[in-house]
Protein backbone atom coordinates (compact mmCIF):
# COMPACT_ATOMS: atom_id res chain seq x y z
CA MET A 1 67.39 88.73 109.57
CA LYS A 2 70.74 88.73 107.77
CA THR A 3 70.71 89.74 104.12
CA SER A 4 72.84 87.60 101.86
CA GLN A 5 75.53 89.16 99.68
CA ALA A 6 73.87 87.66 96.60
CA THR A 7 70.77 89.75 97.36
CA VAL A 8 72.61 92.97 98.20
CA GLY A 9 74.39 93.12 94.83
CA PRO A 10 71.28 93.10 92.63
CA SER A 11 69.50 95.43 95.06
CA LEU A 12 72.29 97.99 94.85
CA ALA A 13 72.37 97.70 91.09
CA GLY A 14 68.62 98.24 90.94
CA ALA A 15 68.84 101.24 93.27
CA VAL A 16 71.59 102.84 91.19
CA LEU A 17 69.68 102.21 87.98
CA GLY A 18 66.46 103.62 89.43
CA ALA A 19 68.21 106.72 90.75
CA SER A 20 69.96 107.30 87.44
CA VAL A 21 66.68 107.00 85.57
CA LEU A 22 65.09 109.58 87.88
CA ALA A 23 68.07 111.91 87.48
CA LEU A 24 68.83 111.48 83.79
CA SER A 25 65.51 110.23 82.39
CA THR A 26 65.16 106.96 80.52
CA LYS A 27 68.34 107.71 78.55
CA ALA A 28 70.12 106.28 81.58
CA LEU A 29 68.94 102.89 80.38
CA ALA A 30 70.87 103.48 77.16
CA ILE A 31 73.95 104.31 79.24
CA VAL A 32 73.61 101.05 81.14
CA VAL A 33 73.22 99.12 77.90
CA ALA A 34 76.27 100.86 76.46
CA GLY A 35 78.26 100.02 79.58
CA THR A 36 77.24 96.38 79.29
CA ALA A 37 78.31 96.38 75.64
CA LEU A 38 81.72 97.80 76.59
CA ALA A 39 82.18 95.10 79.24
CA ALA A 40 81.26 92.44 76.68
CA MET A 41 83.78 93.88 74.19
CA ALA A 42 86.53 93.63 76.76
CA SER A 43 85.70 90.01 77.64
CA SER A 44 86.53 88.43 74.28
CA ALA A 45 88.35 89.23 71.05
CA VAL A 46 85.29 88.40 68.93
CA PHE A 47 82.70 90.22 71.05
CA PRO A 48 83.38 93.70 69.59
CA TYR A 49 82.40 92.26 66.22
CA TYR A 50 79.25 90.64 67.60
CA ILE A 51 78.24 93.88 69.31
CA LEU A 52 78.74 95.70 66.00
CA VAL A 53 76.52 93.17 64.20
CA ALA A 54 73.86 93.61 66.88
CA THR A 55 73.73 97.36 66.18
CA ILE A 56 72.88 96.93 62.47
CA PRO A 57 69.20 97.81 62.98
CA VAL A 58 69.86 100.34 65.77
CA GLN A 59 69.72 103.85 64.35
CA VAL A 60 68.37 105.80 67.33
CA ASP A 61 70.11 108.58 69.24
CA LEU A 62 72.08 107.66 72.33
CA LEU A 63 73.16 111.02 73.73
CA GLY A 64 73.19 114.49 72.21
CA GLY A 65 72.56 113.39 68.63
CA ILE A 66 75.18 110.64 68.79
CA THR A 67 73.60 107.47 67.47
CA VAL A 68 74.29 104.05 68.93
CA THR A 69 76.18 103.06 65.80
CA LYS A 70 78.39 106.16 65.86
CA PHE A 71 79.21 105.34 69.48
CA ILE A 72 79.80 101.62 69.07
CA THR A 73 81.65 101.50 65.73
CA PRO A 74 84.86 103.36 66.73
CA LEU A 75 84.94 101.44 70.01
CA ALA A 76 84.57 98.12 68.19
CA ILE A 77 87.29 99.02 65.68
CA GLY A 78 89.58 100.21 68.47
CA MET A 79 88.99 97.09 70.56
CA VAL A 80 89.70 94.75 67.63
CA LEU A 81 92.93 96.60 66.85
CA LEU A 82 93.94 96.61 70.52
CA ASN A 83 93.34 92.87 70.81
CA ALA A 84 95.46 92.36 67.70
CA LEU A 85 98.28 94.49 69.15
CA ILE A 86 98.40 92.45 72.36
CA TYR A 87 98.13 89.16 70.41
CA ARG A 88 94.72 88.38 71.89
CA GLY A 89 92.90 88.41 68.56
CA PRO A 90 93.55 88.50 64.80
CA TRP A 91 94.34 91.55 62.70
CA PRO A 92 91.46 92.59 60.44
CA VAL A 93 91.59 90.72 57.13
CA VAL A 94 91.87 93.40 54.44
CA ALA A 95 94.12 92.12 51.67
CA ARG A 96 91.99 89.24 50.44
CA TRP A 97 91.77 88.96 46.69
CA PRO A 98 89.56 90.08 45.08
CA ALA A 99 86.84 91.04 47.55
CA GLY A 100 89.10 92.95 49.93
CA TYR A 101 90.57 95.07 47.16
CA LEU A 102 87.15 95.75 45.64
CA ALA A 103 85.84 96.86 49.02
CA ILE A 104 88.87 99.12 49.57
CA LEU A 105 88.31 100.69 46.16
CA PHE A 106 84.66 101.30 47.01
CA PHE A 107 85.35 102.88 50.40
CA VAL A 108 88.27 105.02 49.23
CA THR A 109 86.27 106.25 46.24
CA SER A 110 83.34 107.00 48.56
CA MET A 111 85.52 109.22 50.73
CA ALA A 112 87.09 110.91 47.72
CA SER A 113 83.76 111.61 46.01
CA LEU A 114 82.32 113.11 49.19
CA LEU A 115 85.34 115.40 49.62
CA LEU A 116 85.18 116.47 45.98
CA ALA A 117 81.45 117.17 46.16
CA GLU A 118 81.06 118.70 49.62
CA GLY A 119 84.54 119.62 50.79
CA VAL A 120 85.75 119.22 54.36
CA ARG A 121 82.76 121.10 55.80
CA GLY A 122 80.18 118.63 54.55
CA PHE A 123 82.39 115.61 55.12
CA PRO A 124 81.62 114.41 58.68
CA GLY A 125 77.87 113.75 58.34
CA GLU A 126 77.68 111.19 55.56
CA ALA A 127 81.24 109.96 56.03
CA ALA A 128 80.23 108.41 59.35
CA LYS A 129 78.47 105.61 57.45
CA ILE A 130 81.63 104.44 55.71
CA PRO A 131 83.50 103.15 58.84
CA VAL A 132 80.35 101.18 59.75
CA TYR A 133 80.26 99.49 56.34
CA TRP A 134 84.05 98.95 56.46
CA ALA A 135 83.96 97.33 59.90
CA LEU A 136 81.02 95.06 59.09
CA PHE A 137 82.64 93.85 55.89
CA PHE A 138 86.23 93.30 56.99
CA PHE A 139 85.46 92.05 60.51
CA THR A 140 83.12 89.46 58.99
CA LEU A 141 86.03 88.22 56.86
CA THR A 142 88.21 88.21 59.96
CA PHE A 143 86.02 86.36 62.45
CA ASN A 144 84.25 83.83 60.22
CA ARG A 145 86.76 81.17 59.22
CA THR A 146 84.77 77.98 59.88
CA ALA A 147 81.19 76.77 59.63
CA GLY A 148 81.01 76.95 63.42
CA ASP A 149 81.92 80.65 63.34
CA LEU A 150 79.20 81.24 60.79
CA ARG A 151 76.62 79.44 62.90
CA ARG A 152 77.48 81.57 65.94
CA LEU A 153 77.00 84.66 63.78
CA LEU A 154 73.55 83.40 62.77
CA TRP A 155 72.66 83.17 66.45
CA ILE A 156 73.77 86.76 67.03
CA ILE A 157 71.57 87.89 64.14
CA THR A 158 68.65 85.86 65.49
CA LEU A 159 68.92 87.18 69.05
CA THR A 160 69.19 90.74 67.73
CA ALA A 161 66.08 90.21 65.61
CA ILE A 162 64.16 88.88 68.62
CA ALA A 163 64.96 92.05 70.58
CA GLU A 164 64.00 94.18 67.57
CA ALA A 165 60.73 92.29 67.16
CA LEU A 166 59.85 92.83 70.84
CA ILE A 167 60.41 96.58 70.47
CA THR A 168 58.30 96.60 67.32
CA ALA A 169 55.51 94.71 69.07
CA ALA A 170 55.57 97.33 71.84
CA GLN A 171 55.19 100.03 69.19
CA VAL A 172 52.23 98.31 67.61
CA GLN A 173 50.42 97.35 70.80
CA TYR A 174 51.23 100.24 73.13
CA GLY A 175 52.27 103.12 70.88
CA PHE A 176 55.88 103.02 72.08
CA VAL A 177 57.94 105.39 69.90
CA MET A 178 61.71 105.18 69.51
CA PRO A 179 63.68 108.38 68.89
CA GLY A 180 63.76 109.34 65.23
CA ASP A 181 62.01 111.71 62.85
CA TRP A 182 61.00 109.62 59.84
CA ARG A 183 57.31 110.34 60.57
CA SER A 184 57.81 114.09 61.03
CA ASN A 185 56.15 114.89 57.69
CA ILE A 186 53.36 112.32 57.96
CA GLY A 187 49.88 112.99 59.29
CA LEU A 188 48.66 116.28 60.67
CA PRO A 189 50.89 119.35 60.95
CA SER A 190 52.74 119.46 64.23
CA GLU A 191 50.74 121.16 66.97
CA GLY A 192 51.38 121.64 70.62
CA GLY A 193 54.86 120.19 70.41
CA MET A 194 53.63 116.77 69.32
CA ASP A 195 55.80 115.14 66.69
CA GLY A 196 54.64 113.21 63.66
CA ALA A 197 55.20 109.82 65.30
CA PHE A 198 52.86 110.52 68.19
CA MET A 199 50.15 111.92 65.93
CA SER A 200 50.48 108.97 63.59
CA PHE A 201 49.64 106.65 66.47
CA SER A 202 46.96 108.95 67.86
CA GLU A 203 45.24 108.98 64.48
CA GLY A 204 45.09 105.17 64.59
CA LYS A 205 47.65 104.68 61.84
CA ILE A 206 50.49 102.29 62.57
CA ARG A 207 53.66 101.58 60.66
CA ALA A 208 56.40 100.31 62.92
CA GLU A 209 60.06 101.14 62.45
CA GLY A 210 61.55 99.51 65.57
CA THR A 211 64.93 101.07 66.27
CA THR A 212 65.57 101.91 62.61
CA ALA A 213 65.01 105.22 60.85
CA HIS A 214 62.26 103.88 58.58
CA PRO A 215 60.00 100.80 58.35
CA ILE A 216 61.62 99.75 55.06
CA LEU A 217 64.98 99.54 56.87
CA LEU A 218 63.40 97.36 59.56
CA ALA A 219 61.85 95.13 56.89
CA SER A 220 65.25 94.87 55.22
CA PHE A 221 66.81 93.67 58.46
CA PHE A 222 64.12 91.01 58.85
CA LEU A 223 64.73 89.98 55.23
CA MET A 224 68.13 88.83 56.48
CA ALA A 225 67.20 87.76 60.02
CA ILE A 226 64.12 85.63 59.35
CA PRO A 227 65.89 83.27 56.89
CA CYS A 228 68.81 82.97 59.35
CA THR A 229 66.42 82.06 62.15
CA ALA A 230 64.56 79.59 59.93
CA PHE A 231 67.90 77.99 59.03
CA LEU A 232 68.73 77.49 62.71
CA PHE A 233 65.26 76.07 63.31
CA MET A 234 65.67 73.54 60.49
CA THR A 235 69.17 72.45 61.53
CA GLU A 236 68.90 72.53 65.33
CA GLY A 237 68.77 69.15 67.07
CA SER A 238 67.28 70.13 70.44
CA SER A 239 63.48 70.13 70.55
CA ARG A 240 63.47 72.87 73.21
CA VAL A 241 65.60 75.11 71.05
CA LYS A 242 63.33 74.38 68.08
CA VAL A 243 60.31 75.53 70.11
CA PHE A 244 62.19 78.70 71.07
CA LEU A 245 63.13 79.40 67.46
CA CYS A 246 59.61 78.70 66.25
CA GLY A 247 58.28 81.30 68.68
CA ALA A 248 60.98 83.70 67.52
CA LEU A 249 59.91 83.24 63.90
CA VAL A 250 56.29 83.98 64.78
CA LEU A 251 57.35 87.13 66.66
CA MET A 252 59.59 88.30 63.80
CA GLY A 253 56.84 87.64 61.26
CA TYR A 254 54.46 89.74 63.35
CA ALA A 255 56.99 92.59 63.52
CA TRP A 256 57.78 92.40 59.81
CA PHE A 257 54.07 92.47 58.94
CA TYR A 258 53.63 95.80 60.74
CA THR A 259 56.39 97.43 58.74
CA PHE A 260 53.95 97.25 55.81
CA ALA A 261 57.01 97.21 53.54
CA ARG A 262 55.37 95.84 50.43
CA SER A 263 58.61 95.90 48.44
CA SER A 264 60.18 93.43 50.88
CA ILE A 265 57.60 90.83 49.84
CA ILE A 266 59.53 90.52 46.59
CA GLY A 267 62.70 89.77 48.53
CA PHE A 268 61.03 87.13 50.69
CA ALA A 269 59.46 85.53 47.63
CA VAL A 270 62.90 85.21 46.04
CA VAL A 271 64.36 83.71 49.25
CA CYS A 272 61.58 81.10 49.33
CA VAL A 273 61.95 80.23 45.64
CA VAL A 274 65.73 79.83 45.95
CA THR A 275 65.37 77.59 49.00
CA MET A 276 62.75 75.43 47.31
CA TRP A 277 64.85 75.27 44.13
CA PHE A 278 67.36 73.10 45.98
CA HIS A 279 64.69 70.83 47.43
CA SER A 280 62.08 70.37 44.70
CA LYS A 281 62.33 69.48 41.02
CA LEU A 282 58.81 70.87 40.47
CA THR A 283 59.95 74.23 41.79
CA ARG A 284 62.87 74.28 39.37
CA ASN A 285 60.55 73.65 36.43
CA LEU A 286 58.11 76.33 37.58
CA VAL A 287 60.93 78.83 38.06
CA LEU A 288 62.25 78.22 34.56
CA ALA A 289 58.76 78.76 33.13
CA GLY A 290 58.37 81.90 35.22
CA ILE A 291 61.68 83.28 33.96
CA GLY A 292 60.45 82.86 30.40
CA ILE A 293 57.25 84.74 31.19
CA LEU A 294 59.23 87.46 32.99
CA ILE A 295 61.57 87.98 30.05
CA THR A 296 58.56 88.34 27.79
CA SER A 297 56.93 90.80 30.21
CA LEU A 298 60.07 92.92 30.43
CA LEU A 299 59.51 93.90 26.82
CA SER A 300 56.47 95.88 27.92
CA TYR A 301 56.47 98.64 30.53
CA GLN A 302 52.68 98.46 30.69
CA VAL A 303 52.79 94.79 31.65
CA ILE A 304 55.29 95.44 34.46
CA SER A 305 53.29 98.41 35.74
CA GLN A 306 50.01 96.51 35.65
CA VAL A 307 51.41 93.44 37.43
CA PHE A 308 53.05 95.58 40.13
CA GLN A 309 49.93 97.64 40.73
CA THR A 310 47.68 94.58 40.75
CA GLY A 311 49.88 92.93 43.36
CA ILE A 312 49.98 96.06 45.52
CA GLN A 313 46.22 96.57 45.25
CA LEU A 314 45.64 92.97 46.29
CA PHE A 315 47.96 93.56 49.26
CA ASP A 316 46.25 96.83 50.22
CA SER A 317 42.72 95.43 49.85
CA GLN A 318 43.17 93.35 52.99
CA SER A 319 41.41 95.03 55.92
CA LEU A 320 44.44 94.73 58.17
CA PHE A 321 46.41 97.11 55.94
CA GLY A 322 43.89 99.93 56.17
CA LYS A 323 45.59 101.41 59.25
CA ALA A 324 49.02 101.74 57.65
CA ASP A 325 50.60 104.99 56.50
CA LEU A 326 51.11 103.97 52.87
CA ASN A 327 50.94 105.38 49.41
CA ASP A 328 48.47 103.63 47.16
CA GLY A 329 49.92 100.96 44.90
CA SER A 330 50.16 103.13 41.81
CA GLY A 331 51.72 106.01 43.74
CA SER A 332 54.35 103.74 45.27
CA PHE A 333 55.27 102.41 41.85
CA ASP A 334 55.24 105.84 40.20
CA PHE A 335 57.61 107.62 42.56
CA ARG A 336 60.04 104.71 42.40
CA ILE A 337 60.09 104.72 38.61
CA GLU A 338 60.40 108.50 38.51
CA SER A 339 63.25 108.52 41.03
CA ILE A 340 65.07 105.77 39.10
CA VAL A 341 64.77 107.66 35.81
CA GLY A 342 65.89 110.87 37.53
CA GLY A 343 68.86 109.02 38.99
CA TRP A 344 69.79 107.61 35.59
CA ASN A 345 69.74 111.12 34.10
CA LEU A 346 71.86 112.40 37.00
CA PHE A 347 74.43 109.65 36.47
CA TRP A 348 75.00 110.67 32.86
CA VAL A 349 75.72 114.23 33.98
CA HIS A 350 78.20 113.15 36.71
CA PRO A 351 79.51 109.75 35.53
CA TRP A 352 83.05 109.72 36.96
CA PHE A 353 82.85 110.57 40.66
CA GLY A 354 79.16 111.29 41.14
CA VAL A 355 77.66 114.00 43.32
CA GLY A 356 79.04 112.71 46.63
CA PHE A 357 78.20 109.95 49.08
CA GLY A 358 74.65 110.45 50.40
CA GLN A 359 74.09 113.59 48.32
CA SER A 360 71.62 112.34 45.70
CA ILE A 361 68.67 113.90 47.53
CA ASN A 362 70.13 117.33 46.78
CA HIS A 363 70.41 116.68 43.05
CA TYR A 364 68.30 113.96 41.47
CA THR A 365 64.91 115.70 41.65
CA THR A 366 66.27 118.29 39.20
CA TYR A 367 66.68 115.52 36.64
CA LEU A 368 63.24 113.92 36.96
CA PRO A 369 61.60 113.09 33.61
CA ALA A 370 59.18 115.55 32.06
CA TRP A 371 56.34 113.07 32.59
CA ALA A 372 56.91 112.86 36.38
CA THR A 373 53.63 113.66 38.13
CA HIS A 374 53.99 112.29 41.67
CA PRO A 375 53.51 115.06 44.29
CA PHE A 376 56.57 114.08 46.33
CA HIS A 377 59.71 112.02 45.96
CA PRO A 378 61.72 110.01 48.49
CA ALA A 379 64.94 111.13 50.15
CA THR A 380 67.07 109.12 47.78
CA ILE A 381 66.96 107.11 44.59
CA HIS A 382 65.08 103.85 45.11
CA ASN A 383 67.60 101.57 43.44
CA VAL A 384 70.81 100.85 45.30
CA PHE A 385 72.96 100.23 42.23
CA LEU A 386 71.80 103.44 40.57
CA GLU A 387 72.17 105.27 43.88
CA VAL A 388 75.82 104.21 44.08
CA ALA A 389 76.38 105.18 40.44
CA CYS A 390 74.91 108.67 40.91
CA GLU A 391 76.65 109.42 44.18
CA LEU A 392 80.04 107.75 43.68
CA GLY A 393 80.56 107.39 39.95
CA VAL A 394 81.58 104.60 37.65
CA PHE A 395 84.68 103.40 39.55
CA ALA A 396 82.92 102.79 42.87
CA THR A 397 79.95 101.30 41.03
CA SER A 398 82.23 98.83 39.26
CA ALA A 399 83.74 97.81 42.61
CA PHE A 400 80.28 97.51 44.18
CA ILE A 401 78.95 95.31 41.39
CA GLY A 402 82.18 93.33 41.50
CA LEU A 403 81.56 92.57 45.19
CA TRP A 404 78.13 91.18 44.35
CA ILE A 405 79.51 89.07 41.51
CA TRP A 406 82.29 87.68 43.69
CA ALA A 407 79.79 86.93 46.46
CA PHE A 408 77.79 84.73 44.08
CA VAL A 409 80.97 83.10 42.80
CA SER A 410 81.97 82.35 46.41
CA VAL A 411 78.57 80.87 47.26
CA ARG A 412 78.68 78.70 44.14
CA ARG A 413 82.06 77.36 45.25
CA ALA A 414 80.70 76.58 48.72
CA LEU A 415 77.74 74.65 47.27
CA ARG A 416 80.21 71.91 46.31
CA ILE A 417 81.34 71.31 49.92
CA VAL A 418 79.01 69.08 51.92
CA GLU A 419 79.61 70.85 55.25
CA LEU A 420 79.14 74.30 53.76
CA ARG A 421 76.32 73.58 51.31
CA PRO A 422 73.41 74.40 53.72
CA TYR A 423 75.01 77.74 54.58
CA ALA A 424 75.64 78.42 50.89
CA VAL A 425 71.96 77.80 50.05
CA LEU A 426 70.96 80.16 52.87
CA LEU A 427 73.30 82.91 51.71
CA LEU A 428 72.34 82.49 48.06
CA GLY A 429 68.69 82.96 48.97
CA ILE A 430 69.40 86.02 51.13
CA LEU A 431 71.65 87.66 48.55
CA LEU A 432 69.22 87.15 45.68
CA GLY A 433 66.36 88.35 47.89
CA GLN A 434 68.32 91.45 48.85
CA ALA A 435 69.28 92.10 45.23
CA ALA A 436 65.61 91.97 44.16
CA PHE A 437 64.58 94.15 47.12
CA LEU A 438 67.33 96.69 46.43
CA MET A 439 66.24 97.16 42.84
CA ILE A 440 63.48 99.38 44.29
CA THR A 441 65.14 100.34 47.60
CA PRO A 442 68.20 102.45 48.49
CA MET A 443 71.32 101.34 50.40
CA VAL A 444 70.79 99.21 53.51
CA ARG A 445 73.44 98.49 56.11
CA GLU A 446 73.15 94.72 56.35
CA ILE A 447 74.36 94.01 52.81
CA TRP A 448 77.87 94.76 54.05
CA LEU A 449 77.41 91.80 56.38
CA THR A 450 75.88 89.36 53.90
CA LEU A 451 78.32 90.16 51.07
CA ALA A 452 81.18 89.48 53.46
CA MET A 453 79.54 86.28 54.76
CA ALA A 454 79.36 84.99 51.20
CA THR A 455 82.99 85.93 50.60
CA ALA A 456 84.02 84.22 53.84
CA ILE A 457 82.20 80.98 53.01
CA GLY A 458 83.86 80.96 49.59
CA HIS A 459 87.25 81.23 51.28
CA MET A 460 86.31 78.31 53.56
CA ALA A 461 85.42 76.28 50.48
CA ARG A 462 88.71 77.10 48.80
CA LYS A 463 90.63 75.95 51.88
CA ALA A 464 88.61 72.72 52.01
CA THR A 465 89.49 71.71 48.43
C-alpha cells in the first residue's frame, strides 16, 4: 500500500518530536513552540508584536534560566526593526506627544536609577524587564491604528487567555506544575528533593499560577483578558463564534477562581460597574451614592479595615476556598498596609531617584512602622504607584502617573466617536479596574499594553475629528 506524501510529513514531524522529547526531556516541546513562534514572526510584520503580547503571562524558564519573555522580546524587537529596514513594516512609534515622551522619561529614569543604586554588576537582572515594557508600549502604538487593528489584538489576548486557562485547569485537576519557585516557601520544609509546589498539591492545597510566577499575576492577566473576551462575545455576529467565546469565558472564570486572588475581585467589580454605568441610569445613581459613602468611610481607618476584613472573611467562609494557600483576611490586609506605610517612609528617604528598579525588597522592610506585627512581608510594596516612587523616584513617578492621566484623557476623547465608543468603554473599565487592583498590588506587565491601547485609541479619535 502506497503511503501518501500528506501522511509522511506529519509522521516524520511526530517522529522527530518524539525522539527529541526522549533525548532532551519535555523541554523539547518548548523548543518546538519557540521555533513555531520564530516562523510566525518571519511570516508577517505584525506577528512579532502579537507573539510578544501572547507571552505577557508566560514567565517560566525556557532553557538554562532563560525565560520565554527574555528569549522572545529581543527577537520581536529585532524582527520589527528588520521589517522596518526592508520597508516591510512600520518603524516603532516613539515620538508621540505626550505619551511617547512620558514613557521614554520613565524607561530612561528606570535604567538610570538602577545603575545609580546597583552599578553595572546588579544591572542585568532587573533591567531585563524594561525592554519588555518598552516593546509592549511602543509596539502597541505602532500596530494599532484602526478599530480593526484593536479588534485583532483583542482576539490575540483572548486566544492567549484560553491557552493559559487550559494550563491552569490542568494544574487544578491533575497537579500539573509549571517551572517556577513562588511556592518554595509555602507548606512543609523541602524534603527528599521535593519542591514547595509539589508538596502544596500533595497536601491538598491548590492555588494555581498557570505560567506566571504567582497566582496574583495570573489573576491580573485575567482581569484584562476576561473583559476583552466578553467584549468580543457581545459584539460578535456569528452564533458559532459566540458559543466558542461563551465556553472560553467559562474556562477563564474557572481558572481565575483557582488563583484565589481576592484583591482582583475589587478590579472585576470596578470593571462591571464601569460597564453598567454606560448602560443603566440606575447604576449611575447607585455609583454616585456609593462614592458619597466611600468618601465618608475614608475618613476612618477603622471603617476601611472592618469593611475589607468583612469582605475577605465572607469570601474565605465559602467551603471551596478552604483548600487554598491563603493568609486570613486580616493578615492579608495587615501586611499590605504595613508594606505601603514602609514604602511611603522609604520614599521620603530616597525621593529623587529611589533605591533602584526592582530593589524595594532589599530596603522597605527596614522602614516598616513601629506598629507592624505581621510575621512576614511580601517581596515588594503592594501598591504600584508607591512601588514606582520608592524604586525610581519622583521624576519617573511623575511620568508614570502622567501616562495614566493621558490614557484616561485619550479614552474620554474616543468616547465621542461612534465607531470607537465600545472600545473606549472597554478600555475605561479595564484601566479603572487595574488602577483599583494595583492600589494593593505591585507592578504587573499587562498595564504596559492597556495604557498603550488607550493612547492608541485616543490617537484614532483625534484623526477621526
